[in-house]
Amino acid sequence: MAQSDYFSKVICVTFWEKKDIKIKVVNDAMLNNQFDAFDKIQTEAEAAEFQAMLLREGYSGFRSLLDGFTEAVKSAMDAEIEGIEQAIAKASRMFPEPVIFSPSWERIWHELGEMAAFKKSVLEQIPAHDRDGEWQVILDNPHAVQEVVCYPGLPFHEAAYLYAYFRPQLEKAEYIRLQKIQTLIQDTGG
């Protein structure tokens, strides 16, 4: 493996400690340096410096920050989700008009907040001792002629994230199911 390939796949673990809340975020070290920098903000001066830097970097810098938040929501477990919700609120105060980076991000803080809230809801409803095994997420609208969407064979943390990702986007009459596979029979053709 070439050295550049190795570094592009390096995973780092960072901890954010604010108000006795620890957030463990697994993210790609090369892609989420803005989120890491955001995590380290301690003072108003550092916040102002970070805002100015991100405004200079524009779309790509802000995108890196958003990618970090998405990874944080994706990897968050019980003890971390409240801190992520607080971080999203803090970022929304620092960047109240994300449309200056891209028109498609007009509601990004609301969307990230909803994802975190739905992930929190899933974590609260399913006890840690019931999270092992295989999970799947199903989306369907029984009143429309369209295919059922199914994400099978997932570990709990991935299924919980997909549920949290798709849940805010449901249209009228659509439903989403997060379910644990208890019995499975699988065959392949050939």
Protein backbone atom coordinates (compact mmCIF):
# COMPACT_ATOMS: atom_id res chain seq x y z
CA MET A 1 0.00 0.00 0.00
CA ALA A 2 1.36 3.39 -0.95
CA GLN A 3 2.02 5.81 1.88
CA SER A 4 -0.61 8.26 0.59
CA ASP A 5 -3.20 5.43 0.53
CA TYR A 6 -2.30 4.59 4.11
CA PHE A 7 -2.76 8.15 5.35
CA SER A 8 -6.05 8.56 3.50
CA LYS A 9 -7.41 5.58 5.44
CA VAL A 10 -6.05 6.52 8.87
CA ILE A 11 -8.83 6.77 11.40
CA CYS A 12 -8.41 8.93 14.44
CA VAL A 13 -10.41 9.15 17.61
CA THR A 14 -10.89 12.53 19.22
CA PHE A 15 -12.50 13.39 22.52
CA TRP A 16 -14.33 16.60 23.18
CA GLU A 17 -14.62 17.49 26.82
CA LYS A 18 -16.96 20.37 27.59
CA LYS A 19 -19.08 20.64 30.71
CA ASP A 20 -18.20 17.06 31.76
CA ILE A 21 -19.63 15.64 28.52
CA LYS A 22 -17.33 13.52 26.40
CA ILE A 23 -17.98 13.03 22.72
CA LYS A 24 -16.07 10.28 21.02
CA VAL A 25 -15.94 10.98 17.32
CA VAL A 26 -14.43 8.57 14.85
CA ASN A 27 -13.58 10.46 11.70
CA ASP A 28 -11.17 10.55 8.82
CA ALA A 29 -8.17 12.58 9.98
CA MET A 30 -7.59 14.11 6.56
CA LEU A 31 -11.18 15.18 5.87
CA ASN A 32 -12.51 16.58 9.13
CA ASN A 33 -9.83 18.95 10.34
CA GLN A 34 -12.43 21.76 10.57
CA PHE A 35 -14.57 19.71 12.92
CA ASP A 36 -11.52 18.90 15.02
CA ALA A 37 -10.69 22.61 15.18
CA PHE A 38 -14.29 23.39 16.14
CA ASP A 39 -14.08 20.81 18.95
CA LYS A 40 -11.06 22.59 20.42
CA ILE A 41 -12.66 26.04 20.67
CA GLN A 42 -12.51 27.18 24.30
CA THR A 43 -12.77 30.98 24.21
CA GLU A 44 -14.68 33.72 22.42
CA ALA A 45 -11.44 34.78 20.71
CA GLU A 46 -10.90 31.25 19.38
CA ALA A 47 -14.51 31.16 18.18
CA ALA A 48 -14.08 34.47 16.32
CA GLU A 49 -10.82 33.25 14.77
CA PHE A 50 -12.49 30.00 13.67
CA GLN A 51 -15.43 31.90 12.15
CA ALA A 52 -13.08 34.16 10.19
CA MET A 53 -11.02 31.20 8.97
CA LEU A 54 -14.08 29.29 7.79
CA LEU A 55 -15.47 32.36 6.04
CA ARG A 56 -12.14 32.67 4.19
CA GLU A 57 -12.14 28.98 3.24
CA GLY A 58 -15.74 29.11 2.04
CA TYR A 59 -17.60 26.08 0.77
CA SER A 60 -14.86 23.47 1.24
CA GLY A 61 -14.05 24.49 4.80
CA PHE A 62 -17.69 24.58 5.84
CA ARG A 63 -18.32 21.26 4.09
CA SER A 64 -15.53 19.71 6.14
CA LEU A 65 -17.19 20.99 9.31
CA LEU A 66 -20.55 19.53 8.26
CA ASP A 67 -18.94 16.20 7.36
CA GLY A 68 -17.50 16.11 10.86
CA PHE A 69 -20.92 16.72 12.39
CA THR A 70 -22.43 13.99 10.23
CA GLU A 71 -19.74 11.54 11.37
CA ALA A 72 -20.31 12.61 14.98
CA VAL A 73 -24.03 11.84 14.75
CA LYS A 74 -23.31 8.59 12.93
CA SER A 75 -20.86 7.26 15.51
CA ALA A 76 -22.50 8.71 18.64
CA MET A 77 -23.71 6.40 21.33
CA ASP A 78 -25.71 7.09 24.49
CA ALA A 79 -23.26 9.20 26.50
CA GLU A 80 -22.19 11.28 23.50
CA ILE A 81 -25.43 12.34 21.83
CA GLU A 82 -26.31 15.16 24.24
CA GLY A 83 -22.91 16.76 23.69
CA ILE A 84 -23.39 16.54 19.94
CA GLU A 85 -26.76 18.28 20.23
CA GLN A 86 -25.04 21.05 22.20
CA ALA A 87 -22.27 21.30 19.59
CA ILE A 88 -24.85 21.62 16.78
CA ALA A 89 -26.57 24.43 18.71
CA LYS A 90 -23.22 26.16 19.24
CA ALA A 91 -22.32 25.87 15.54
CA SER A 92 -25.73 27.24 14.54
CA ARG A 93 -25.07 30.31 16.70
CA MET A 94 -21.60 30.75 15.18
CA PHE A 95 -22.88 30.32 11.60
CA PRO A 96 -26.56 31.38 11.66
CA GLU A 97 -26.72 31.78 7.87
CA PRO A 98 -25.08 28.73 6.28
CA VAL A 99 -26.59 29.72 2.92
CA ILE A 100 -23.58 32.00 2.43
CA PHE A 101 -21.61 28.79 1.82
CA SER A 102 -24.28 27.00 -0.24
CA PRO A 103 -28.01 27.59 -0.84
CA SER A 104 -28.64 23.90 -0.16
CA TRP A 105 -27.53 24.37 3.47
CA GLU A 106 -30.28 26.81 4.40
CA ARG A 107 -31.75 24.32 6.91
CA ILE A 108 -28.61 22.31 7.71
CA TRP A 109 -28.60 23.06 11.45
CA HIS A 110 -32.25 22.06 11.72
CA GLU A 111 -31.57 18.87 9.73
CA LEU A 112 -28.53 17.92 11.82
CA GLY A 113 -30.50 18.68 14.99
CA GLU A 114 -33.34 16.42 13.85
CA MET A 115 -30.90 13.62 12.98
CA ALA A 116 -29.32 13.86 16.42
CA ALA A 117 -32.75 13.92 18.10
CA PHE A 118 -33.95 10.84 16.23
CA LYS A 119 -30.69 9.02 16.96
CA LYS A 120 -31.12 9.93 20.64
CA SER A 121 -34.69 8.59 20.53
CA VAL A 122 -33.50 5.27 19.07
CA LEU A 123 -30.76 4.98 21.68
CA GLU A 124 -33.26 5.69 24.47
CA GLN A 125 -35.78 3.13 23.19
CA ILE A 126 -33.39 0.23 22.59
CA PRO A 127 -31.35 -0.85 25.62
CA ALA A 128 -27.64 -1.45 25.11
CA HIS A 129 -28.00 -5.16 25.92
CA ASP A 130 -30.46 -5.58 22.99
CA ARG A 131 -28.26 -3.95 20.33
CA ASP A 132 -26.17 -6.92 19.23
CA GLY A 133 -26.94 -8.93 16.11
CA GLU A 134 -28.12 -7.97 12.65
CA TRP A 135 -30.42 -5.01 12.00
CA GLN A 136 -32.21 -3.55 9.00
CA VAL A 137 -33.96 -0.35 8.02
CA ILE A 138 -37.01 -0.42 5.74
CA LEU A 139 -38.70 2.55 4.07
CA ASP A 140 -41.99 2.25 2.21
CA ASN A 141 -45.11 4.07 1.11
CA PRO A 142 -47.87 1.48 0.79
CA HIS A 143 -50.04 3.95 -1.16
CA ALA A 144 -47.51 4.61 -3.91
CA VAL A 145 -46.24 2.47 -6.75
CA GLN A 146 -42.58 2.42 -5.87
CA GLU A 147 -40.08 -0.06 -4.59
CA VAL A 148 -39.58 -0.78 -0.92
CA VAL A 149 -36.16 0.41 0.21
CA CYS A 150 -34.32 -1.95 2.53
CA TYR A 151 -30.89 -1.67 4.13
CA PRO A 152 -30.24 -5.20 5.48
CA GLY A 153 -27.38 -6.81 7.35
CA LEU A 154 -26.36 -3.81 9.45
CA PRO A 155 -24.80 -3.54 12.89
CA PHE A 156 -26.95 -1.55 15.31
CA HIS A 157 -24.96 1.70 15.17
CA GLU A 158 -25.25 1.89 11.35
CA ALA A 159 -28.95 1.02 11.37
CA ALA A 160 -29.64 3.61 14.08
CA TYR A 161 -27.84 6.26 12.01
CA LEU A 162 -29.77 5.40 8.83
CA TYR A 163 -33.03 5.58 10.77
CA ALA A 164 -32.03 8.99 12.14
CA TYR A 165 -30.92 10.15 8.67
CA PHE A 166 -34.10 9.13 6.82
CA ARG A 167 -36.73 9.73 9.53
CA PRO A 168 -36.90 13.54 9.14
CA GLN A 169 -37.38 13.18 5.38
CA LEU A 170 -40.50 11.00 5.49
CA GLU A 171 -43.36 12.13 3.26
CA LYS A 172 -47.04 11.69 4.05
CA ALA A 173 -48.02 7.99 4.18
CA GLU A 174 -44.38 6.82 4.17
CA TYR A 175 -43.05 4.81 7.04
CA ILE A 176 -39.66 3.75 8.30
CA ARG A 177 -38.86 0.63 10.32
CA LEU A 178 -35.77 -0.18 12.31
CA GLN A 179 -35.84 -3.86 13.12
CA LYS A 180 -33.60 -6.52 14.53
CA ILE A 181 -33.33 -9.77 12.61
CA GLN A 182 -34.18 -12.67 14.92
CA THR A 183 -34.32 -15.54 12.43
CA LEU A 184 -32.78 -15.54 8.99
CA ILE A 185 -32.80 -18.01 6.11
CA GLN A 186 -30.70 -16.94 3.16
CA ASP A 187 -30.00 -18.70 -0.13
CA THR A 188 -28.11 -17.71 -3.23
CA GLY A 189 -28.82 -18.69 -6.79
CA GLY A 190 -26.51 -20.64 -8.96
